[in-house]
PDB file of N, CA and C in Angstrom:
ATOM      1  N   MET A   1       0.836  -1.176   0.000  1.00  0.00           N
ATOM      2  CA  MET A   1       0.000   0.000   0.000  1.00  0.00           C
ATOM      3  C   MET A   1       0.887   1.248   0.000  1.00  0.00           C
ATOM      4  N   LEU A   2       0.594   2.161  -0.874  1.00  0.00           N
ATOM      5  CA  LEU A   2       1.374   3.383  -0.996  1.00  0.00           C
ATOM      6  C   LEU A   2       0.853   4.450  -0.053  1.00  0.00           C
ATOM      7  N   LYS A   3       1.783   5.161   0.566  1.00  0.00           N
ATOM      8  CA  LYS A   3       1.406   6.270   1.435  1.00  0.00           C
ATOM      9  C   LYS A   3       1.532   7.565   0.653  1.00  0.00           C
ATOM     10  N   LYS A   4       0.611   8.468   0.890  1.00  0.00           N
ATOM     11  CA  LYS A   4       0.674   9.776   0.251  1.00  0.00           C
ATOM     12  C   LYS A   4       1.432  10.727   1.163  1.00  0.00           C
ATOM     13  N   ILE A   5       2.399  11.407   0.579  1.00  0.00           N
ATOM     14  CA  ILE A   5       3.195  12.366   1.328  1.00  0.00           C
ATOM     15  C   ILE A   5       2.927  13.748   0.734  1.00  0.00           C
ATOM     16  N   PHE A   6       2.577  14.679   1.594  1.00  0.00           N
ATOM     17  CA  PHE A   6       2.308  16.035   1.154  1.00  0.00           C
ATOM     18  C   PHE A   6       3.459  16.931   1.566  1.00  0.00           C
ATOM     19  N   LEU A   7       4.053  17.596   0.608  1.00  0.00           N
ATOM     20  CA  LEU A   7       5.143  18.522   0.876  1.00  0.00           C
ATOM     21  C   LEU A   7       4.632  19.945   0.726  1.00  0.00           C
ATOM     22  N   LEU A   8       4.898  20.768   1.710  1.00  0.00           N
ATOM     23  CA  LEU A   8       4.489  22.159   1.669  1.00  0.00           C
ATOM     24  C   LEU A   8       5.656  23.019   1.215  1.00  0.00           C
ATOM     25  N   PRO A   9       5.388  24.024   0.403  1.00  0.00           N
ATOM     26  CA  PRO A   9       6.483  24.936   0.050  1.00  0.00           C
ATOM     27  C   PRO A   9       6.931  25.715   1.285  1.00  0.00           C
ATOM     28  N   LEU A  10       8.198  26.132   1.312  1.00  0.00           N
ATOM     29  CA  LEU A  10       8.736  26.809   2.488  1.00  0.00           C
ATOM     30  C   LEU A  10       8.089  28.167   2.731  1.00  0.00           C
ATOM     31  N   GLN A  11       7.456  28.771   1.720  1.00  0.00           N
ATOM     32  CA  GLN A  11       6.810  30.062   1.931  1.00  0.00           C
ATOM     33  C   GLN A  11       5.607  29.929   2.866  1.00  0.00           C
ATOM     34  N   SER A  12       4.930  28.795   2.838  1.00  0.00           N
ATOM     35  CA  SER A  12       3.743  28.631   3.661  1.00  0.00           C
ATOM     36  C   SER A  12       4.067  28.100   5.058  1.00  0.00           C
ATOM     37  N   VAL A  13       5.333  27.850   5.337  1.00  0.00           N
ATOM     38  CA  VAL A  13       5.748  27.341   6.635  1.00  0.00           C
ATOM     39  C   VAL A  13       6.204  28.514   7.500  1.00  0.00           C
ATOM     40  N   SER A  14       5.975  28.437   8.798  1.00  0.00           N
ATOM     41  CA  SER A  14       6.345  29.532   9.700  1.00  0.00           C
ATOM     42  C   SER A  14       7.862  29.704   9.763  1.00  0.00           C
ATOM     43  N   ASN A  15       8.309  30.862  10.252  1.00  0.00           N
ATOM     44  CA  ASN A  15       9.739  31.148  10.355  1.00  0.00           C
ATOM     45  C   ASN A  15      10.435  30.193  11.315  1.00  0.00           C
ATOM     46  N   GLU A  16       9.775  29.810  12.393  1.00  0.00           N
ATOM     47  CA  GLU A  16      10.379  28.875  13.348  1.00  0.00           C
ATOM     48  C   GLU A  16      10.611  27.514  12.699  1.00  0.00           C
ATOM     49  N   ALA A  17       9.671  27.068  11.887  1.00  0.00           N
ATOM     50  CA  ALA A  17       9.832  25.786  11.200  1.00  0.00           C
ATOM     51  C   ALA A  17      10.970  25.859  10.191  1.00  0.00           C
ATOM     52  N   LYS A  18      11.148  27.032   9.537  1.00  0.00           N
ATOM     53  CA  LYS A  18      12.252  27.201   8.592  1.00  0.00           C
ATOM     54  C   LYS A  18      13.591  27.091   9.317  1.00  0.00           C
ATOM     55  N   LYS A  19      13.704  27.718  10.492  1.00  0.00           N
ATOM     56  CA  LYS A  19      14.941  27.662  11.254  1.00  0.00           C
ATOM     57  C   LYS A  19      15.260  26.227  11.648  1.00  0.00           C
ATOM     58  N   ASP A  20      14.232  25.494  12.098  1.00  0.00           N
ATOM     59  CA  ASP A  20      14.443  24.100  12.470  1.00  0.00           C
ATOM     60  C   ASP A  20      14.884  23.281  11.270  1.00  0.00           C
ATOM     61  N   PHE A  21      14.278  23.535  10.116  1.00  0.00           N
ATOM     62  CA  PHE A  21      14.624  22.802   8.902  1.00  0.00           C
ATOM     63  C   PHE A  21      16.063  23.082   8.501  1.00  0.00           C
ATOM     64  N   ASN A  22      16.491  24.347   8.568  1.00  0.00           N
ATOM     65  CA  ASN A  22      17.855  24.719   8.165  1.00  0.00           C
ATOM     66  C   ASN A  22      18.890  24.162   9.125  1.00  0.00           C
ATOM     67  N   THR A  23      18.612  24.108  10.409  1.00  0.00           N
ATOM     68  CA  THR A  23      19.596  23.603  11.357  1.00  0.00           C
ATOM     69  C   THR A  23      19.683  22.091  11.330  1.00  0.00           C
ATOM     70  N   MET A  24      18.651  21.421  10.858  1.00  0.00           N
ATOM     71  CA  MET A  24      18.704  19.963  10.785  1.00  0.00           C
ATOM     72  C   MET A  24      19.768  19.511   9.794  1.00  0.00           C
ATOM     73  N   ALA A  25      19.940  20.257   8.707  1.00  0.00           N
ATOM     74  CA  ALA A  25      20.879  19.845   7.669  1.00  0.00           C
ATOM     75  C   ALA A  25      22.333  20.081   8.085  1.00  0.00           C
ATOM     76  N   LYS A  26      22.560  21.032   8.985  1.00  0.00           N
ATOM     77  CA  LYS A  26      23.920  21.363   9.395  1.00  0.00           C
ATOM     78  C   LYS A  26      24.310  20.525  10.599  1.00  0.00           C
ATOM     79  N   LYS A  27      25.371  19.760  10.452  1.00  0.00           N
ATOM     80  CA  LYS A  27      25.858  18.935  11.548  1.00  0.00           C
ATOM     81  C   LYS A  27      27.322  19.236  11.777  1.00  0.00           C
ATOM     82  N   GLY A  28      27.725  19.185  13.019  1.00  0.00           N
ATOM     83  CA  GLY A  28      29.133  19.364  13.329  1.00  0.00           C
ATOM     84  C   GLY A  28      29.516  20.813  13.514  1.00  0.00           C
ATOM     85  N   ASN A  29      30.792  21.026  13.659  1.00  0.00           N
ATOM     86  CA  ASN A  29      31.327  22.346  13.940  1.00  0.00           C
ATOM     87  C   ASN A  29      32.097  22.928  12.761  1.00  0.00           C
ATOM     88  N   ARG A  30      31.947  22.372  11.572  1.00  0.00           N
ATOM     89  CA  ARG A  30      32.697  22.874  10.425  1.00  0.00           C
ATOM     90  C   ARG A  30      31.969  24.071   9.825  1.00  0.00           C
ATOM     91  N   ILE A  31      32.738  25.130   9.569  1.00  0.00           N
ATOM     92  CA  ILE A  31      32.175  26.329   8.961  1.00  0.00           C
ATOM     93  C   ILE A  31      32.996  26.698   7.738  1.00  0.00           C
ATOM     94  N   GLN A  32      32.360  27.410   6.812  1.00  0.00           N
ATOM     95  CA  GLN A  32      33.068  27.873   5.616  1.00  0.00           C
ATOM     96  C   GLN A  32      33.781  29.179   5.925  1.00  0.00           C
ATOM     97  N   VAL A  33      34.997  29.310   5.448  1.00  0.00           N
ATOM     98  CA  VAL A  33      35.764  30.536   5.614  1.00  0.00           C
ATOM     99  C   VAL A  33      36.338  30.958   4.257  1.00  0.00           C
ATOM    100  N   ILE A  34      36.586  32.252   4.120  1.00  0.00           N
ATOM    101  CA  ILE A  34      37.151  32.793   2.886  1.00  0.00           C
ATOM    102  C   ILE A  34      38.587  33.209   3.162  1.00  0.00           C
ATOM    103  N   LEU A  35      39.496  32.770   2.286  1.00  0.00           N
ATOM    104  CA  LEU A  35      40.910  33.140   2.385  1.00  0.00           C
ATOM    105  C   LEU A  35      41.218  34.167   1.305  1.00  0.00           C
ATOM    106  N   GLU A  36      41.874  35.260   1.683  1.00  0.00           N
ATOM    107  CA  GLU A  36      42.195  36.329   0.741  1.00  0.00           C
ATOM    108  C   GLU A  36      43.694  36.574   0.716  1.00  0.00           C
ATOM    109  N   CYS A  37      44.235  36.812  -0.470  1.00  0.00           N
ATOM    110  CA  CYS A  37      45.671  37.032  -0.646  1.00  0.00           C
ATOM    111  C   CYS A  37      46.096  38.357  -0.024  1.00  0.00           C
ATOM    112  N   THR A  38      47.166  38.320   0.768  1.00  0.00           N
ATOM    113  CA  THR A  38      47.654  39.534   1.416  1.00  0.00           C
ATOM    114  C   THR A  38      48.540  40.348   0.476  1.00  0.00           C
ATOM    115  N   GLU A  39      49.366  39.700  -0.336  1.00  0.00           N
ATOM    116  CA  GLU A  39      50.272  40.407  -1.253  1.00  0.00           C
ATOM    117  C   GLU A  39      49.516  41.104  -2.381  1.00  0.00           C
ATOM    118  N   HIS A  40      48.461  40.458  -2.868  1.00  0.00           N
ATOM    119  CA  HIS A  40      47.668  41.032  -3.959  1.00  0.00           C
ATOM    120  C   HIS A  40      46.952  42.293  -3.467  1.00  0.00           C
ATOM    121  N   LYS A  41      46.488  42.237  -2.236  1.00  0.00           N
ATOM    122  CA  LYS A  41      45.788  43.378  -1.646  1.00  0.00           C
ATOM    123  C   LYS A  41      46.708  44.593  -1.560  1.00  0.00           C
ATOM    124  N   GLU A  42      47.976  44.371  -1.201  1.00  0.00           N
ATOM    125  CA  GLU A  42      48.943  45.455  -1.048  1.00  0.00           C
ATOM    126  C   GLU A  42      49.483  45.959  -2.384  1.00  0.00           C
ATOM    127  N   SER A  43      49.461  45.116  -3.424  1.00  0.00           N
ATOM    128  CA  SER A  43      50.067  45.494  -4.703  1.00  0.00           C
ATOM    129  C   SER A  43      49.255  46.538  -5.466  1.00  0.00           C
ATOM    130  N   GLY A  44      47.945  46.589  -5.238  1.00  0.00           N
ATOM    131  CA  GLY A  44      47.105  47.563  -5.942  1.00  0.00           C
ATOM    132  C   GLY A  44      46.653  47.108  -7.313  1.00  0.00           C
ATOM    133  N   LEU A  45      46.972  45.878  -7.703  1.00  0.00           N
ATOM    134  CA  LEU A  45      46.515  45.347  -8.987  1.00  0.00           C
ATOM    135  C   LEU A  45      45.025  45.074  -8.939  1.00  0.00           C
ATOM    136  N   PRO A  46      44.325  45.165 -10.099  1.00  0.00           N
ATOM    137  CA  PRO A  46      42.896  44.887 -10.101  1.00  0.00           C
ATOM    138  C   PRO A  46      42.616  43.403  -9.848  1.00  0.00           C
ATOM    139  N   GLY A  47      41.434  43.129  -9.323  1.00  0.00           N
ATOM    140  CA  GLY A  47      41.036  41.756  -9.032  1.00  0.00           C
ATOM    141  C   GLY A  47      41.427  41.358  -7.631  1.00  0.00           C
ATOM    142  N   MET A  48      41.091  40.113  -7.275  1.00  0.00           N
ATOM    143  CA  MET A  48      41.406  39.616  -5.941  1.00  0.00           C
ATOM    144  C   MET A  48      41.487  38.101  -5.993  1.00  0.00           C
ATOM    145  N   SER A  49      42.471  37.544  -5.322  1.00  0.00           N
ATOM    146  CA  SER A  49      42.622  36.097  -5.236  1.00  0.00           C
ATOM    147  C   SER A  49      41.986  35.632  -3.934  1.00  0.00           C
ATOM    148  N   ARG A  50      40.903  34.855  -4.051  1.00  0.00           N
ATOM    149  CA  ARG A  50      40.199  34.349  -2.872  1.00  0.00           C
ATOM    150  C   ARG A  50      39.925  32.860  -3.034  1.00  0.00           C
ATOM    151  N   TYR A  51      39.984  32.151  -1.923  1.00  0.00           N
ATOM    152  CA  TYR A  51      39.662  30.737  -1.871  1.00  0.00           C
ATOM    153  C   TYR A  51      38.625  30.512  -0.771  1.00  0.00           C
ATOM    154  N   ILE A  52      37.756  29.527  -0.959  1.00  0.00           N
ATOM    155  CA  ILE A  52      36.789  29.143   0.060  1.00  0.00           C
ATOM    156  C   ILE A  52      37.172  27.758   0.561  1.00  0.00           C
ATOM    157  N   THR A  53      37.227  27.601   1.880  1.00  0.00           N
ATOM    158  CA  THR A  53      37.557  26.320   2.493  1.00  0.00           C
ATOM    159  C   THR A  53      36.732  26.176   3.763  1.00  0.00           C
ATOM    160  N   THR A  54      36.889  25.052   4.445  1.00  0.00           N
ATOM    161  CA  THR A  54      36.181  24.841   5.707  1.00  0.00           C
ATOM    162  C   THR A  54      37.181  24.640   6.827  1.00  0.00           C
ATOM    163  N   LYS A  55      36.748  24.957   8.042  1.00  0.00           N
ATOM    164  CA  LYS A  55      37.577  24.704   9.206  1.00  0.00           C
ATOM    165  C   LYS A  55      36.681  24.270  10.349  1.00  0.00           C
ATOM    166  N   ASN A  56      37.281  23.561  11.306  1.00  0.00           N
ATOM    167  CA  ASN A  56      36.556  23.123  12.490  1.00  0.00           C
ATOM    168  C   ASN A  56      36.604  24.250  13.512  1.00  0.00           C
ATOM    169  N   ARG A  57      35.423  24.731  13.892  1.00  0.00           N
ATOM    170  CA  ARG A  57      35.330  25.878  14.784  1.00  0.00           C
ATOM    171  C   ARG A  57      35.903  25.594  16.168  1.00  0.00           C
ATOM    172  N   LYS A  58      35.738  24.366  16.658  1.00  0.00           N
ATOM    173  CA  LYS A  58      36.226  24.030  17.999  1.00  0.00           C
ATOM    174  C   LYS A  58      37.739  23.837  18.035  1.00  0.00           C
ATOM    175  N   ASN A  59      38.296  23.158  17.046  1.00  0.00           N
ATOM    176  CA  ASN A  59      39.734  22.878  17.034  1.00  0.00           C
ATOM    177  C   ASN A  59      40.573  24.080  16.623  1.00  0.00           C
ATOM    178  N   THR A  60      40.061  24.893  15.710  1.00  0.00           N
ATOM    179  CA  THR A  60      40.813  26.036  15.186  1.00  0.00           C
ATOM    180  C   THR A  60      40.025  27.305  15.472  1.00  0.00           C
ATOM    181  N   THR A  61      40.251  27.902  16.626  1.00  0.00           N
ATOM    182  CA  THR A  61      39.503  29.103  16.989  1.00  0.00           C
ATOM    183  C   THR A  61      40.116  30.356  16.367  1.00  0.00           C
ATOM    184  N   ALA A  62      41.432  30.357  16.147  1.00  0.00           N
ATOM    185  CA  ALA A  62      42.102  31.515  15.541  1.00  0.00           C
ATOM    186  C   ALA A  62      41.878  31.514  14.028  1.00  0.00           C
ATOM    187  N   ARG A  63      42.130  32.676  13.429  1.00  0.00           N
ATOM    188  CA  ARG A  63      42.004  32.770  11.971  1.00  0.00           C
ATOM    189  C   ARG A  63      43.146  32.003  11.309  1.00  0.00           C
ATOM    190  N   ILE A  64      42.821  31.326  10.206  1.00  0.00           N
ATOM    191  CA  ILE A  64      43.834  30.487   9.570  1.00  0.00           C
ATOM    192  C   ILE A  64      44.593  31.269   8.490  1.00  0.00           C
ATOM    193  N   GLU A  65      45.827  30.869   8.247  1.00  0.00           N
ATOM    194  CA  GLU A  65      46.682  31.425   7.204  1.00  0.00           C
ATOM    195  C   GLU A  65      47.284  30.259   6.432  1.00  0.00           C
ATOM    196  N   LEU A  66      47.081  30.239   5.131  1.00  0.00           N
ATOM    197  CA  LEU A  66      47.608  29.170   4.283  1.00  0.00           C
ATOM    198  C   LEU A  66      48.325  29.774   3.088  1.00  0.00           C
ATOM    199  N   LYS A  67      49.310  29.053   2.582  1.00  0.00           N
ATOM    200  CA  LYS A  67      49.965  29.461   1.343  1.00  0.00           C
ATOM    201  C   LYS A  67      49.195  28.830   0.185  1.00  0.00           C
ATOM    202  N   LYS A  68      48.687  29.675  -0.706  1.00  0.00           N
ATOM    203  CA  LYS A  68      47.906  29.226  -1.851  1.00  0.00           C
ATOM    204  C   LYS A  68      48.428  29.928  -3.102  1.00  0.00           C
ATOM    205  N   TYR A  69      48.070  29.392  -4.266  1.00  0.00           N
ATOM    206  CA  TYR A  69      48.517  29.956  -5.540  1.00  0.00           C
ATOM    207  C   TYR A  69      47.661  31.165  -5.916  1.00  0.00           C
ATOM    208  N   ASN A  70      48.309  32.245  -6.302  1.00  0.00           N
ATOM    209  CA  ASN A  70      47.618  33.432  -6.785  1.00  0.00           C
ATOM    210  C   ASN A  70      47.802  33.491  -8.299  1.00  0.00           C
ATOM    211  N   PRO A  71      46.728  33.310  -9.084  1.00  0.00           N
ATOM    212  CA  PRO A  71      46.868  33.269 -10.546  1.00  0.00           C
ATOM    213  C   PRO A  71      47.237  34.612 -11.170  1.00  0.00           C
ATOM    214  N   VAL A  72      46.916  35.726 -10.521  1.00  0.00           N
ATOM    215  CA  VAL A  72      47.252  37.038 -11.076  1.00  0.00           C
ATOM    216  C   VAL A  72      48.743  37.316 -10.909  1.00  0.00           C
ATOM    217  N   LEU A  73      49.277  37.059  -9.717  1.00  0.00           N
ATOM    218  CA  LEU A  73      50.698  37.266  -9.462  1.00  0.00           C
ATOM    219  C   LEU A  73      51.552  36.096  -9.961  1.00  0.00           C
ATOM    220  N   LYS A  74      50.910  34.992 -10.261  1.00  0.00           N
ATOM    221  CA  LYS A  74      51.554  33.777 -10.775  1.00  0.00           C
ATOM    222  C   LYS A  74      52.612  33.231  -9.817  1.00  0.00           C
ATOM    223  N   LYS A  75      52.272  33.204  -8.532  1.00  0.00           N
ATOM    224  CA  LYS A  75      53.156  32.613  -7.530  1.00  0.00           C
ATOM    225  C   LYS A  75      52.344  32.243  -6.295  1.00  0.00           C
ATOM    226  N   VAL A  76      52.966  31.481  -5.421  1.00  0.00           N
ATOM    227  CA  VAL A  76      52.321  31.064  -4.178  1.00  0.00           C
ATOM    228  C   VAL A  76      52.493  32.176  -3.150  1.00  0.00           C
ATOM    229  N   THR A  77      51.379  32.609  -2.566  1.00  0.00           N
ATOM    230  CA  THR A  77      51.405  33.704  -1.604  1.00  0.00           C
ATOM    231  C   THR A  77      50.624  33.319  -0.345  1.00  0.00           C
ATOM    232  N   LEU A  78      50.759  34.134   0.682  1.00  0.00           N
ATOM    233  CA  LEU A  78      50.057  33.904   1.938  1.00  0.00           C
ATOM    234  C   LEU A  78      48.623  34.397   1.823  1.00  0.00           C
ATOM    235  N   HIS A  79      47.676  33.542   2.150  1.00  0.00           N
ATOM    236  CA  HIS A  79      46.248  33.884   2.148  1.00  0.00           C
ATOM    237  C   HIS A  79      45.744  33.804   3.590  1.00  0.00           C
ATOM    238  N   LYS A  80      45.077  34.877   4.037  1.00  0.00           N
ATOM    239  CA  LYS A  80      44.553  34.935   5.401  1.00  0.00           C
ATOM    240  C   LYS A  80      43.031  34.893   5.390  1.00  0.00           C
ATOM    241  N   GLU A  81      42.476  34.356   6.461  1.00  0.00           N
ATOM    242  CA  GLU A  81      41.035  34.263   6.612  1.00  0.00           C
ATOM    243  C   GLU A  81      40.456  35.657   6.832  1.00  0.00           C
ATOM    244  N   ILE A  82      39.359  35.955   6.114  1.00  0.00           N
ATOM    245  CA  ILE A  82      38.668  37.228   6.308  1.00  0.00           C
ATOM    246  C   ILE A  82      37.282  36.947   6.848  1.00  0.00           C
ATOM    247  N   LYS A  83      36.676  37.960   7.381  1.00  0.00           N
ATOM    248  CA  LYS A  83      35.317  37.790   7.912  1.00  0.00           C
ATOM    249  C   LYS A  83      34.430  38.825   7.284  1.00  0.00           C
TER     250      LYS A  83
END
């Protein structure tokens, strides 16, 4: 026997139900962070080298710094987390 399932669009659902729905999908302490090139910012050249990555909020509370490739400067440079 088949069961009928009725799905409601999110517009007709209350704001509290939307919050519950959005938090159900997110598990763990990993958050997305944006890394921006420090040398490119100082050089004054147009454009910006940015990378998106994730980090564990509990293990890494400080802002992260990684060496990544900058395609405009064509070399590996220091990228710092921005907020």
